[in-house]
């Protein structure tokens, strides 16, 4: 089935699995549980659900409609409605490509840990192993140090995997996701059963589901809830626009958006049950409260969970292997979807073979990924992630909703989506796209900027944060250049 010369998904199921695979990634396994842990357990679920219903699913419908109606990747999808705004699409895919550069490094860590799982090589001091033996972490971001070669070789391996996953575009993606989406769910269910049968599991689950309402007063909770929805649902990257552009003409839009949105959030919740039940077990074994057992950020996956595996009464190596295979298979879907969003846009602009385009992207990404493979890589990963996945994605969300709200007209897209969907959305969607979502995101951004002026993020120096912020400015400038430059045919 084809739309002119444009390739299509083999089936609706392939599209849904690919979209869910893009949405469900490493962020569901360690980012969501850690943020929930940090901001009051059950209390975080409240702003998270609000963010899903007031921004996540409505913008998912918006992006599906833009991509399907235009049958183009993000830049040309915006240009289809108004040529002056192609830069929004370019900025979205460039932010996504910037994120996958360091995201692939996290996957490299997972690949290394998978190898270590066969003999639990991380030992009992899991924090020391991660920060000292694996990362060789320097004291400050400015102390770059040398390249940590195992991480760099792992990075190359990950990019080879990404390259072959998208070598034929959605045709190869549609086949890969049957394994990389379904298999992690099976592993996750195994880990849940193992977790809830451990002594102290209910202690951890109580921490997850008992809300600390005082935490809702913090602006950080709300901005992290909305940024988690954007990051986890893959909205604001141009991914869902590109994926929807490959759908046949008679394809449901609204149903798909709700199905993918709820499937993603359900996975985050299931992952949290698996994680928090084992955290309860760890707290009992160590004799400390649940609130004292988690390392910061990615340490949840690479410090805390290995420590839990060490305490398992049997089959420790097996559960270690299952956990890191799950991380890798979840991560690869998100990684190649980010690349596919940019690659699809680039292929529409520059006439070049897909194989060569993806090779060029991989080589450039590996070179840029060297920074995150150095001894100070963890610091720069944290700084860049803060500005790209928090500020970058929320800014794109504001731009998308304002574009549809005041340039395209929400009624036009709503009617288009309703004509193709089993159940319809009403005028409430127009109001959310035109007023509620952009207003809420702008308020959250201003609120957070004000707080960060007083207290710089993460305790980093303002110079380091300025470098992190500069990536947003650079991607914006490149987006403008790409949007106004003429397309050229590049010889293979």
Protein backbone atom coordinates (compact mmCIF):
# COMPACT_ATOMS: atom_id res chain seq x y z
CA UNK A 1 0.00 0.00 0.00
CA UNK A 2 1.48 3.35 -0.96
CA UNK A 3 0.63 7.01 -1.02
CA UNK A 4 2.15 8.13 -4.30
CA UNK A 5 5.82 7.22 -4.06
CA UNK A 6 5.75 7.44 -0.27
CA UNK A 7 6.13 4.28 1.79
CA UNK A 8 3.43 3.29 4.29
CA UNK A 9 3.20 1.14 7.40
CA UNK A 10 2.43 -2.50 6.65
CA UNK A 11 -0.47 -2.41 9.13
CA UNK A 12 -2.14 -0.31 11.79
CA UNK A 13 -0.63 -2.60 14.42
CA UNK A 14 2.88 -1.88 13.11
CA UNK A 15 2.22 1.87 13.41
CA UNK A 16 0.76 1.55 16.93
CA UNK A 17 3.64 -0.61 18.11
CA UNK A 18 6.20 1.78 16.57
CA UNK A 19 4.51 4.80 18.18
CA UNK A 20 4.27 3.03 21.54
CA UNK A 21 7.88 1.90 21.14
CA UNK A 22 8.95 5.49 20.56
CA UNK A 23 6.93 6.68 23.54
CA UNK A 24 7.96 3.87 25.89
CA UNK A 25 11.69 4.06 26.55
CA UNK A 26 14.35 4.40 29.21
CA UNK A 27 12.42 7.35 30.63
CA UNK A 28 9.59 5.03 31.68
CA UNK A 29 11.94 2.74 33.57
CA UNK A 30 14.21 5.14 35.43
CA UNK A 31 13.17 8.74 34.69
CA UNK A 32 9.50 8.42 35.65
CA UNK A 33 10.05 6.28 38.80
CA UNK A 34 12.89 8.55 39.93
CA UNK A 35 10.90 11.76 39.46
CA UNK A 36 7.94 10.17 41.25
CA UNK A 37 10.31 9.10 44.03
CA UNK A 38 11.86 12.57 44.26
CA UNK A 39 8.59 14.51 44.24
CA UNK A 40 6.38 12.84 46.77
CA UNK A 41 5.57 9.41 45.38
CA UNK A 42 1.83 9.28 44.77
CA UNK A 43 1.61 13.07 44.72
CA UNK A 44 3.52 13.16 41.43
CA UNK A 45 0.89 10.96 39.81
CA UNK A 46 -1.63 13.82 40.15
CA UNK A 47 0.21 16.43 38.01
CA UNK A 48 1.37 13.62 35.71
CA UNK A 49 -2.19 12.50 34.94
CA UNK A 50 -3.29 16.14 34.57
CA UNK A 51 -0.42 16.72 32.14
CA UNK A 52 -1.37 13.59 30.17
CA UNK A 53 -5.00 14.67 29.76
CA UNK A 54 -4.47 18.42 29.29
CA UNK A 55 -1.38 18.33 27.08
CA UNK A 56 -0.14 14.85 26.18
CA UNK A 57 -3.11 13.32 24.37
CA UNK A 58 -4.41 16.61 22.85
CA UNK A 59 -0.98 17.37 21.34
CA UNK A 60 -0.66 13.75 20.19
CA UNK A 61 -3.92 14.23 18.25
CA UNK A 62 -2.51 17.51 16.89
CA UNK A 63 0.74 15.91 15.69
CA UNK A 64 -1.01 12.90 14.17
CA UNK A 65 -3.34 15.24 12.28
CA UNK A 66 -0.51 17.46 11.01
CA UNK A 67 1.49 14.47 9.78
CA UNK A 68 -1.41 12.54 8.28
CA UNK A 69 -3.01 15.48 6.45
CA UNK A 70 0.28 16.71 4.99
CA UNK A 71 1.83 13.24 4.43
CA UNK A 72 5.16 14.90 5.23
CA UNK A 73 7.79 14.87 7.97
CA UNK A 74 7.71 17.69 10.53
CA UNK A 75 9.30 20.62 8.58
CA UNK A 76 7.20 20.15 5.45
CA UNK A 77 4.15 19.32 7.56
CA UNK A 78 4.30 22.84 9.04
CA UNK A 79 5.16 24.23 5.62
CA UNK A 80 2.12 22.47 4.13
CA UNK A 81 -0.09 24.86 6.13
CA UNK A 82 2.20 27.91 6.05
CA UNK A 83 5.67 27.93 4.46
CA UNK A 84 6.92 30.60 6.86
CA UNK A 85 6.76 28.14 9.76
CA UNK A 86 8.79 25.19 8.49
CA UNK A 87 11.42 26.20 11.04
CA UNK A 88 9.22 24.90 13.89
CA UNK A 89 9.39 21.41 12.41
CA UNK A 90 13.13 21.68 11.86
CA UNK A 91 13.67 22.88 15.42
CA UNK A 92 11.64 19.93 16.76
CA UNK A 93 13.61 17.27 14.87
CA UNK A 94 16.94 18.95 15.67
CA UNK A 95 16.12 18.93 19.38
CA UNK A 96 15.25 15.25 19.03
CA UNK A 97 18.54 14.51 17.27
CA UNK A 98 20.44 16.40 19.98
CA UNK A 99 18.75 14.27 22.62
CA UNK A 100 19.51 10.96 20.91
CA UNK A 101 23.22 11.86 20.87
CA UNK A 102 23.43 11.49 24.66
CA UNK A 103 20.53 9.02 24.89
CA UNK A 104 22.68 6.56 22.91
CA UNK A 105 25.39 6.93 25.57
CA UNK A 106 22.92 5.84 28.28
CA UNK A 107 22.16 2.83 26.08
CA UNK A 108 25.91 2.17 25.93
CA UNK A 109 25.94 1.99 29.73
CA UNK A 110 23.07 -0.52 29.53
CA UNK A 111 24.98 -2.60 27.00
CA UNK A 112 28.03 -2.70 29.28
CA UNK A 113 25.88 -3.62 32.28
CA UNK A 114 24.24 -6.41 30.30
CA UNK A 115 27.68 -7.96 29.87
CA UNK A 116 28.44 -7.48 33.57
CA UNK A 117 25.14 -9.17 34.54
CA UNK A 118 26.43 -12.62 33.64
CA UNK A 119 28.74 -12.62 36.68
CA UNK A 120 27.39 -9.60 38.63
CA UNK A 121 30.71 -7.84 38.02
CA UNK A 122 29.46 -4.62 39.65
CA UNK A 123 30.06 -6.22 43.08
CA UNK A 124 28.48 -5.07 46.33
CA UNK A 125 29.55 -1.41 46.11
CA UNK A 126 27.28 -0.63 43.14
CA UNK A 127 27.58 3.13 43.54
CA UNK A 128 31.36 3.02 43.44
CA UNK A 129 31.31 0.69 40.44
CA UNK A 130 29.01 2.97 38.42
CA UNK A 131 30.65 6.31 39.19
CA UNK A 132 34.28 5.19 39.52
CA UNK A 133 34.79 1.94 37.60
CA UNK A 134 32.42 2.60 34.69
CA UNK A 135 32.16 6.39 34.31
CA UNK A 136 35.50 7.32 35.95
CA UNK A 137 33.58 10.45 36.91
CA UNK A 138 35.58 13.64 37.25
CA UNK A 139 34.89 16.20 39.98
CA UNK A 140 33.40 18.96 37.82
CA UNK A 141 31.97 19.44 34.29
CA UNK A 142 35.03 21.50 33.33
CA UNK A 143 37.34 18.58 34.15
CA UNK A 144 36.65 16.76 30.89
CA UNK A 145 39.28 14.08 31.33
CA UNK A 146 39.84 11.48 28.66
CA UNK A 147 37.40 9.29 26.74
CA UNK A 148 36.15 6.26 28.66
CA UNK A 149 36.77 3.72 25.91
CA UNK A 150 34.31 0.96 26.90
CA UNK A 151 31.52 3.57 26.79
CA UNK A 152 32.73 4.85 23.42
CA UNK A 153 32.91 1.36 21.87
CA UNK A 154 29.47 0.65 23.27
CA UNK A 155 28.25 3.89 21.68
CA UNK A 156 29.48 2.72 18.28
CA UNK A 157 27.70 -0.60 18.80
CA UNK A 158 24.44 1.17 19.63
CA UNK A 159 24.64 3.32 16.49
CA UNK A 160 25.24 0.26 14.33
CA UNK A 161 22.06 -1.21 15.85
CA UNK A 162 20.13 2.03 15.20
CA UNK A 163 21.41 2.19 11.61
CA UNK A 164 20.22 -1.29 10.69
CA UNK A 165 16.89 -0.80 12.52
CA UNK A 166 15.91 2.05 10.18
CA UNK A 167 17.88 1.07 7.08
CA UNK A 168 14.64 0.71 5.09
CA UNK A 169 12.59 3.35 6.90
CA UNK A 170 9.19 2.37 8.27
CA UNK A 171 9.39 -0.99 6.49
CA UNK A 172 12.27 -2.15 8.69
CA UNK A 173 10.97 -0.27 11.75
CA UNK A 174 7.61 -2.01 11.38
CA UNK A 175 9.33 -5.40 11.60
CA UNK A 176 11.74 -4.55 14.42
CA UNK A 177 9.05 -3.25 16.79
CA UNK A 178 7.23 -6.58 16.96
CA UNK A 179 10.21 -7.78 19.01
CA UNK A 180 11.51 -4.61 20.69
CA UNK A 181 8.10 -3.49 21.97
CA UNK A 182 6.49 -6.79 22.98
CA UNK A 183 9.58 -8.40 24.54
CA UNK A 184 10.21 -5.64 27.16
CA UNK A 185 6.60 -5.91 28.36
CA UNK A 186 7.08 -9.63 28.95
CA UNK A 187 10.26 -8.95 30.93
CA UNK A 188 8.55 -6.14 32.86
CA UNK A 189 5.75 -8.49 33.93
CA UNK A 190 8.36 -11.02 35.11
CA UNK A 191 10.10 -8.30 37.15
CA UNK A 192 6.78 -7.18 38.65
CA UNK A 193 5.96 -10.72 39.79
CA UNK A 194 9.47 -11.03 41.26
CA UNK A 195 9.21 -7.61 42.92
CA UNK A 196 5.82 -7.94 44.61
CA UNK A 197 6.74 -11.36 46.04
CA UNK A 198 9.79 -9.96 47.85
CA UNK A 199 9.68 -9.17 51.60
CA UNK A 200 8.97 -5.47 52.12
CA UNK A 201 7.42 -4.98 48.68
CA UNK A 202 4.28 -3.40 50.16
CA UNK A 203 6.44 -0.85 51.95
CA UNK A 204 7.77 0.38 48.63
CA UNK A 205 4.35 0.34 46.95
CA UNK A 206 2.91 2.30 49.87
CA UNK A 207 5.55 4.97 49.27
CA UNK A 208 4.59 5.09 45.58
CA UNK A 209 0.83 5.34 46.05
CA UNK A 210 0.63 7.45 49.23
CA UNK A 211 0.58 11.08 48.08
CA UNK A 212 2.58 13.82 49.75
CA UNK A 213 0.33 16.73 48.79
CA UNK A 214 2.80 19.32 50.09
CA UNK A 215 5.02 18.47 47.12
CA UNK A 216 2.36 19.85 44.74
CA UNK A 217 3.27 23.39 45.84
CA UNK A 218 6.65 23.12 44.12
CA UNK A 219 6.84 24.44 40.54
CA UNK A 220 9.49 21.78 39.86
CA UNK A 221 6.88 19.06 40.31
CA UNK A 222 4.62 20.53 37.62
CA UNK A 223 7.33 21.33 35.09
CA UNK A 224 8.77 17.83 35.53
CA UNK A 225 5.31 16.29 35.10
CA UNK A 226 4.73 18.15 31.82
CA UNK A 227 8.28 17.59 30.57
CA UNK A 228 7.98 13.87 31.42
CA UNK A 229 4.78 13.67 29.36
CA UNK A 230 6.49 15.37 26.39
CA UNK A 231 9.65 13.28 26.73
CA UNK A 232 7.84 10.00 27.32
CA UNK A 233 5.13 10.43 24.67
CA UNK A 234 7.71 11.61 22.12
CA UNK A 235 5.74 14.77 21.38
CA UNK A 236 7.64 17.88 20.41
CA UNK A 237 10.30 15.83 18.59
CA UNK A 238 8.57 15.60 15.23
CA UNK A 239 8.49 11.81 15.64
CA UNK A 240 4.72 11.41 15.77
CA UNK A 241 4.29 13.80 12.84
CA UNK A 242 6.67 11.68 10.76
CA UNK A 243 5.16 8.37 11.86
CA UNK A 244 1.60 9.57 11.12
CA UNK A 245 2.71 10.79 7.68
CA UNK A 246 3.30 7.14 6.70
CA UNK A 247 -0.26 6.08 7.58
CA UNK A 248 -2.69 5.19 4.76
CA UNK A 249 -5.36 7.79 4.01
CA UNK A 250 -8.15 5.96 5.85
CA UNK A 251 -6.50 5.72 9.26
CA UNK A 252 -7.90 6.45 12.70
CA UNK A 253 -6.33 9.40 14.50
CA UNK A 254 -8.18 10.01 17.78
CA UNK A 255 -8.35 6.35 18.84
CA UNK A 256 -4.68 5.87 18.09
CA UNK A 257 -3.75 8.92 20.18
CA UNK A 258 -5.69 7.76 23.23
CA UNK A 259 -4.47 4.18 22.87
CA UNK A 260 -0.81 5.19 22.61
CA UNK A 261 -1.10 7.79 25.37
CA UNK A 262 -2.65 5.40 27.87
CA UNK A 263 -0.35 2.51 26.87
CA UNK A 264 2.67 4.70 27.56
CA UNK A 265 1.40 5.85 30.96
CA UNK A 266 0.36 2.32 31.90
CA UNK A 267 3.91 1.17 31.14
CA UNK A 268 5.31 3.93 33.38
CA UNK A 269 2.99 2.82 36.17
CA UNK A 270 3.89 -0.85 35.74
CA UNK A 271 7.58 0.03 35.71
CA UNK A 272 7.07 1.99 38.93
CA UNK A 273 5.39 -1.01 40.56
CA UNK A 274 8.35 -3.18 39.57
CA UNK A 275 10.87 -0.59 40.82
CA UNK A 276 9.13 0.50 44.04
CA UNK A 277 8.32 -3.05 45.17
CA UNK A 278 12.03 -3.87 44.96
CA UNK A 279 12.90 -0.56 46.67
CA UNK A 280 10.74 -1.69 49.58
CA UNK A 281 12.72 -4.93 49.67
CA UNK A 282 16.00 -3.00 49.63
CA UNK A 283 14.87 -0.71 52.46
CA UNK A 284 14.00 -3.73 54.62
CA UNK A 285 17.35 -5.40 53.88
CA UNK A 286 19.26 -2.22 54.73
CA UNK A 287 17.05 -1.18 57.63
CA UNK A 288 16.46 2.33 56.26
CA UNK A 289 13.35 4.17 55.01
CA UNK A 290 12.38 3.85 51.34
CA UNK A 291 13.16 7.57 50.96
CA UNK A 292 16.85 6.85 51.67
CA UNK A 293 17.66 4.01 49.28
CA UNK A 294 17.74 5.57 45.80
CA UNK A 295 20.75 7.12 44.07
CA UNK A 296 20.08 10.25 42.03
CA UNK A 297 18.97 10.33 38.38
CA UNK A 298 20.14 7.37 36.28
CA UNK A 299 21.61 5.89 39.45
CA UNK A 300 18.20 4.28 39.97
CA UNK A 301 18.88 1.90 37.07
CA UNK A 302 22.65 1.60 37.39
CA UNK A 303 23.23 1.79 41.14
CA UNK A 304 20.06 0.98 43.05
CA UNK A 305 18.68 -1.82 40.88
CA UNK A 306 21.99 -3.74 40.70
CA UNK A 307 22.13 -3.45 44.50
CA UNK A 308 18.66 -4.98 44.67
CA UNK A 309 19.65 -7.78 42.28
CA UNK A 310 22.58 -8.60 44.57
CA UNK A 311 20.10 -9.28 47.37
CA UNK A 312 17.77 -11.54 45.36
CA UNK A 313 17.60 -14.99 47.02
CA UNK A 314 18.03 -16.85 43.69
CA UNK A 315 18.68 -16.40 39.94
CA UNK A 316 20.48 -13.10 40.44
CA UNK A 317 22.31 -13.23 37.12
CA UNK A 318 19.09 -14.08 35.24
CA UNK A 319 17.21 -11.09 36.64
CA UNK A 320 20.19 -8.84 35.93
CA UNK A 321 20.25 -10.00 32.31
CA UNK A 322 16.47 -9.56 31.96
CA UNK A 323 16.57 -6.04 33.42
CA UNK A 324 19.29 -4.72 31.13
CA UNK A 325 17.91 -6.49 28.05
CA UNK A 326 14.66 -4.69 28.86
CA UNK A 327 16.48 -1.34 29.07
CA UNK A 328 18.18 -1.92 25.73
CA UNK A 329 15.07 -3.02 23.86
CA UNK A 330 13.05 -0.15 25.30
CA UNK A 331 15.79 2.32 24.49
CA UNK A 332 16.37 1.26 20.90
CA UNK A 333 12.78 2.08 19.84
CA UNK A 334 13.01 5.59 21.20
CA UNK A 335 16.49 6.07 19.75
CA UNK A 336 15.71 5.03 16.19
CA UNK A 337 12.41 6.94 16.21
CA UNK A 338 14.30 10.14 17.05
CA UNK A 339 16.70 9.45 14.20
CA UNK A 340 13.88 8.51 11.81
CA UNK A 341 12.09 11.82 12.51
CA UNK A 342 15.19 13.78 11.48
CA UNK A 343 16.13 11.41 8.67
CA UNK A 344 12.65 11.62 7.11
CA UNK A 345 12.81 15.42 7.20
CA UNK A 346 16.32 15.47 5.74
CA UNK A 347 15.41 13.04 2.95
CA UNK A 348 12.52 15.29 1.92
CA UNK A 349 14.92 18.22 1.63
CA UNK A 350 18.10 16.64 0.26
CA UNK A 351 17.78 14.04 -2.46
CA UNK A 352 20.06 11.32 -1.17
CA UNK A 353 19.74 7.61 -0.53
CA UNK A 354 18.36 6.62 2.85
CA UNK A 355 21.34 4.39 3.57
CA UNK A 356 23.85 7.20 3.01
CA UNK A 357 21.78 9.73 4.97
CA UNK A 358 21.54 7.43 7.99
CA UNK A 359 25.25 6.67 7.77
CA UNK A 360 26.10 10.39 7.80
CA UNK A 361 23.78 10.94 10.77
CA UNK A 362 25.34 8.05 12.70
CA UNK A 363 28.93 9.23 12.11
CA UNK A 364 28.14 12.82 13.16
CA UNK A 365 26.23 11.59 16.24
CA UNK A 366 29.12 9.35 17.30
CA UNK A 367 31.57 12.26 17.00
CA UNK A 368 29.32 14.59 19.01
CA UNK A 369 28.67 11.80 21.51
CA UNK A 370 32.34 11.74 22.48
CA UNK A 371 31.70 14.55 25.00
CA UNK A 372 29.24 12.32 26.87
CA UNK A 373 31.71 9.42 26.74
CA UNK A 374 34.36 11.34 28.67
CA UNK A 375 34.92 11.34 32.42
CA UNK A 376 32.71 14.42 32.78
CA UNK A 377 30.07 12.98 30.47
CA UNK A 378 27.46 12.42 33.18
CA UNK A 379 27.49 16.13 34.11
CA UNK A 380 27.05 17.26 30.52
CA UNK A 381 24.38 14.65 29.93
CA UNK A 382 22.44 16.02 32.90
CA UNK A 383 22.86 19.66 31.81
CA UNK A 384 21.95 19.08 28.17
CA UNK A 385 19.01 16.87 29.13
CA UNK A 386 17.68 19.60 31.39
CA UNK A 387 17.58 22.23 28.67
CA UNK A 388 16.55 19.99 25.79
CA UNK A 389 13.97 17.69 27.37
CA UNK A 390 12.54 20.31 29.73
CA UNK A 391 12.82 23.71 28.07
CA UNK A 392 13.21 22.57 24.47
CA UNK A 393 10.22 20.25 24.35
CA UNK A 394 7.93 22.62 26.27
CA UNK A 395 8.87 25.50 23.95
CA UNK A 396 8.07 23.32 20.92
CA UNK A 397 4.74 22.45 22.59
CA UNK A 398 3.94 26.16 22.92
CA UNK A 399 4.90 26.83 19.29
CA UNK A 400 2.89 23.88 17.95
CA UNK A 401 -0.28 24.83 19.81
CA UNK A 402 0.00 28.52 18.88
CA UNK A 403 0.60 27.54 15.24
CA UNK A 404 -2.49 25.34 15.09
CA UNK A 405 -4.51 27.65 17.35
CA UNK A 406 -3.89 30.88 15.42
CA UNK A 407 -2.44 29.99 11.98
CA UNK A 408 -4.10 26.73 10.92
CA UNK A 409 -7.22 26.90 13.07
CA UNK A 410 -7.97 24.07 15.52
CA UNK A 411 -11.43 23.46 14.05
CA UNK A 412 -9.85 22.57 10.70
CA UNK A 413 -7.63 19.88 12.22
CA UNK A 414 -10.39 18.67 14.58
CA UNK A 415 -12.76 18.11 11.68
CA UNK A 416 -10.03 16.30 9.76
CA UNK A 417 -9.30 13.98 12.71
CA UNK A 418 -12.99 13.35 13.44
CA UNK A 419 -13.74 12.36 9.85
CA UNK A 420 -11.26 9.49 10.18
CA UNK A 421 -11.85 8.36 13.74
CA UNK A 422 -14.22 5.92 15.42
CA UNK A 423 -15.12 8.46 18.08
CA UNK A 424 -14.84 12.20 17.84
CA UNK A 425 -13.42 15.09 19.86
CA UNK A 426 -15.45 18.22 20.56
CA UNK A 427 -14.85 21.95 20.80
CA UNK A 428 -13.07 21.41 24.11
CA UNK A 429 -10.05 20.33 22.05
CA UNK A 430 -10.04 23.68 20.20
CA UNK A 431 -10.04 25.58 23.50
CA UNK A 432 -7.22 23.45 24.93
CA UNK A 433 -5.02 23.90 21.84
CA UNK A 434 -5.74 27.61 21.48
CA UNK A 435 -5.75 28.77 25.09
CA UNK A 436 -5.21 26.26 27.91
CA UNK A 437 -2.11 24.34 26.79
CA UNK A 438 0.03 27.28 25.57
CA UNK A 439 -0.96 29.35 28.61
CA UNK A 440 -0.14 26.52 31.04
CA UNK A 441 3.21 25.75 29.37
CA UNK A 442 4.22 29.43 29.26
CA UNK A 443 3.38 29.87 32.95
CA UNK A 444 5.36 26.76 33.89
CA UNK A 445 8.36 27.92 31.83
CA UNK A 446 8.36 31.41 33.35
CA UNK A 447 7.90 29.96 36.82
CA UNK A 448 10.86 27.64 36.40
CA UNK A 449 13.12 30.27 34.81
CA UNK A 450 12.43 32.58 37.73
CA UNK A 451 13.41 29.87 40.21
CA UNK A 452 16.58 28.97 38.30
CA UNK A 453 17.73 32.59 38.23
CA UNK A 454 17.68 32.50 42.04
CA UNK A 455 19.07 28.97 42.36
CA UNK A 456 20.98 27.57 39.33
CA UNK A 457 19.92 24.08 38.28
CA UNK A 458 21.75 21.18 39.92
CA UNK A 459 24.23 23.43 41.69
CA UNK A 460 26.24 23.81 38.47
CA UNK A 461 28.12 27.01 37.69
CA UNK A 462 26.29 29.53 35.53
CA UNK A 463 28.98 29.09 32.88
CA UNK A 464 28.25 25.37 32.54
CA UNK A 465 24.52 26.04 32.39
CA UNK A 466 25.09 28.71 29.75
CA UNK A 467 26.81 26.11 27.58
CA UNK A 468 23.85 23.79 28.06
CA UNK A 469 21.41 26.54 27.14
CA UNK A 470 23.45 27.38 24.06
CA UNK A 471 22.43 24.08 22.42
CA UNK A 472 18.86 25.38 22.24
CA UNK A 473 20.07 28.55 20.55
CA UNK A 474 22.28 26.62 18.12
CA UNK A 475 19.48 24.22 17.15
CA UNK A 476 17.16 27.19 16.62
CA UNK A 477 19.67 28.94 14.32
CA UNK A 478 20.26 25.73 12.34
CA UNK A 479 16.48 25.25 12.06
CA UNK A 480 16.13 28.72 10.53
CA UNK A 481 18.98 28.04 8.10
CA UNK A 482 17.49 24.71 7.03
CA UNK A 483 14.03 26.22 6.56
CA UNK A 484 15.20 29.03 4.24
CA UNK A 485 17.95 27.19 2.32
CA UNK A 486 17.15 25.55 -0.99
CA UNK A 487 16.97 21.79 -1.36
CA UNK A 488 19.75 20.20 -3.37
CA UNK A 489 20.37 16.79 -4.83
CA UNK A 490 23.39 15.13 -3.23
CA UNK A 491 25.12 12.45 -5.26
CA UNK A 492 25.66 9.18 -3.46
